[in-house]
Amino acid sequence: MRKIVLLAAAAAALLVSACNTIEGVGRDVSAAGKAVADTAKDAKK
């Protein structure tokens, strides 16, 4: 029983950290997209 509780806690910790990582990647991709869009706007001028 103790092993199951430890494994469940470890799995929960991994899931929480994965959510933070995915959120960070989303912000990075969004920032890169904004930079590309800004560069395209500047090129049109």
N, C-alpha and C. Protein backbone atom coordinates (compact mmCIF):
# COMPACT_ATOMS: atom_id res chain seq x y z
N MET A 1 0.83 -1.19 0.00
CA MET A 1 0.00 0.00 0.00
C MET A 1 0.88 1.26 0.00
N ARG A 2 1.95 1.20 0.77
CA ARG A 2 2.84 2.37 0.87
C ARG A 2 3.49 2.68 -0.49
N LYS A 3 3.84 1.62 -1.23
CA LYS A 3 4.45 1.81 -2.54
C LYS A 3 3.47 2.49 -3.51
N ILE A 4 2.22 2.10 -3.43
CA ILE A 4 1.20 2.69 -4.30
C ILE A 4 1.04 4.17 -4.00
N VAL A 5 1.03 4.53 -2.74
CA VAL A 5 0.89 5.94 -2.36
C VAL A 5 2.10 6.74 -2.84
N LEU A 6 3.30 6.19 -2.69
CA LEU A 6 4.51 6.87 -3.16
C LEU A 6 4.50 7.03 -4.68
N LEU A 7 4.10 5.99 -5.39
CA LEU A 7 4.03 6.08 -6.84
C LEU A 7 2.99 7.10 -7.29
N ALA A 8 1.86 7.15 -6.61
CA ALA A 8 0.81 8.11 -6.95
C ALA A 8 1.30 9.53 -6.71
N ALA A 9 2.01 9.75 -5.62
CA ALA A 9 2.55 11.08 -5.32
C ALA A 9 3.59 11.49 -6.36
N ALA A 10 4.44 10.56 -6.76
CA ALA A 10 5.45 10.85 -7.78
C ALA A 10 4.79 11.16 -9.11
N ALA A 11 3.76 10.42 -9.48
CA ALA A 11 3.04 10.66 -10.73
C ALA A 11 2.36 12.03 -10.70
N ALA A 12 1.77 12.39 -9.58
CA ALA A 12 1.12 13.70 -9.45
C ALA A 12 2.14 14.82 -9.59
N ALA A 13 3.31 14.65 -9.01
CA ALA A 13 4.36 15.67 -9.11
C ALA A 13 4.81 15.84 -10.55
N LEU A 14 4.94 14.74 -11.27
CA LEU A 14 5.34 14.81 -12.68
C LEU A 14 4.28 15.50 -13.53
N LEU A 15 3.03 15.21 -13.26
CA LEU A 15 1.95 15.84 -14.02
C LEU A 15 1.91 17.34 -13.78
N VAL A 16 2.10 17.76 -12.56
CA VAL A 16 2.07 19.19 -12.25
C VAL A 16 3.25 19.90 -12.92
N SER A 17 4.42 19.31 -12.87
CA SER A 17 5.58 19.93 -13.51
C SER A 17 5.42 19.94 -15.03
N ALA A 18 4.78 18.94 -15.59
CA ALA A 18 4.56 18.90 -17.04
C ALA A 18 3.63 20.04 -17.45
N CYS A 19 2.63 20.34 -16.65
CA CYS A 19 1.72 21.44 -16.98
C CYS A 19 2.49 22.76 -17.02
N ASN A 20 3.37 22.98 -16.07
CA ASN A 20 4.16 24.21 -16.06
C ASN A 20 5.07 24.27 -17.28
N THR A 21 5.64 23.15 -17.65
CA THR A 21 6.54 23.11 -18.80
C THR A 21 5.78 23.42 -20.08
N ILE A 22 4.61 22.82 -20.25
CA ILE A 22 3.80 23.05 -21.44
C ILE A 22 3.36 24.50 -21.51
N GLU A 23 3.03 25.07 -20.38
CA GLU A 23 2.64 26.48 -20.35
C GLU A 23 3.81 27.36 -20.79
N GLY A 24 4.99 27.05 -20.33
CA GLY A 24 6.18 27.82 -20.69
C GLY A 24 6.48 27.71 -22.18
N VAL A 25 6.34 26.52 -22.73
CA VAL A 25 6.56 26.32 -24.16
C VAL A 25 5.54 27.12 -24.95
N GLY A 26 4.31 27.12 -24.49
CA GLY A 26 3.27 27.90 -25.16
C GLY A 26 3.60 29.38 -25.20
N ARG A 27 4.12 29.90 -24.09
CA ARG A 27 4.51 31.31 -24.06
C ARG A 27 5.68 31.59 -25.01
N ASP A 28 6.64 30.67 -25.06
CA ASP A 28 7.78 30.84 -25.95
C ASP A 28 7.35 30.84 -27.41
N VAL A 29 6.47 29.92 -27.77
CA VAL A 29 5.99 29.83 -29.15
C VAL A 29 5.19 31.08 -29.50
N SER A 30 4.40 31.55 -28.56
CA SER A 30 3.62 32.76 -28.79
C SER A 30 4.53 33.96 -29.01
N ALA A 31 5.57 34.08 -28.21
CA ALA A 31 6.52 35.19 -28.37
C ALA A 31 7.25 35.11 -29.70
N ALA A 32 7.61 33.91 -30.12
CA ALA A 32 8.28 33.74 -31.41
C ALA A 32 7.34 34.12 -32.55
N GLY A 33 6.09 33.74 -32.45
CA GLY A 33 5.11 34.10 -33.47
C GLY A 33 4.91 35.60 -33.56
N LYS A 34 4.90 36.25 -32.43
CA LYS A 34 4.75 37.71 -32.40
C LYS A 34 5.95 38.37 -33.06
N ALA A 35 7.13 37.85 -32.80
CA ALA A 35 8.34 38.41 -33.40
C ALA A 35 8.31 38.26 -34.91
N VAL A 36 7.86 37.12 -35.41
CA VAL A 36 7.77 36.89 -36.85
C VAL A 36 6.73 37.84 -37.45
N ALA A 37 5.60 37.99 -36.79
CA ALA A 37 4.56 38.89 -37.29
C ALA A 37 5.06 40.34 -37.32
N ASP A 38 5.77 40.75 -36.30
CA ASP A 38 6.32 42.12 -36.27
C ASP A 38 7.34 42.33 -37.39
N THR A 39 8.17 41.33 -37.63
CA THR A 39 9.16 41.43 -38.69
C THR A 39 8.47 41.53 -40.06
N ALA A 40 7.40 40.76 -40.24
CA ALA A 40 6.67 40.81 -41.50
C ALA A 40 6.03 42.18 -41.70
N LYS A 41 5.51 42.74 -40.64
CA LYS A 41 4.91 44.10 -40.73
C LYS A 41 5.97 45.13 -41.09
N ASP A 42 7.14 45.02 -40.49
CA ASP A 42 8.24 45.95 -40.79
C ASP A 42 8.70 45.81 -42.24
N ALA A 43 8.70 44.59 -42.76
CA ALA A 43 9.15 44.35 -44.13
C ALA A 43 8.18 44.96 -45.14
N LYS A 44 6.91 45.06 -44.79
CA LYS A 44 5.90 45.63 -45.69
C LYS A 44 6.07 47.13 -45.85
N LYS A 45 6.64 47.78 -44.85
CA LYS A 45 6.75 49.25 -44.86
C LYS A 45 7.72 49.76 -45.87
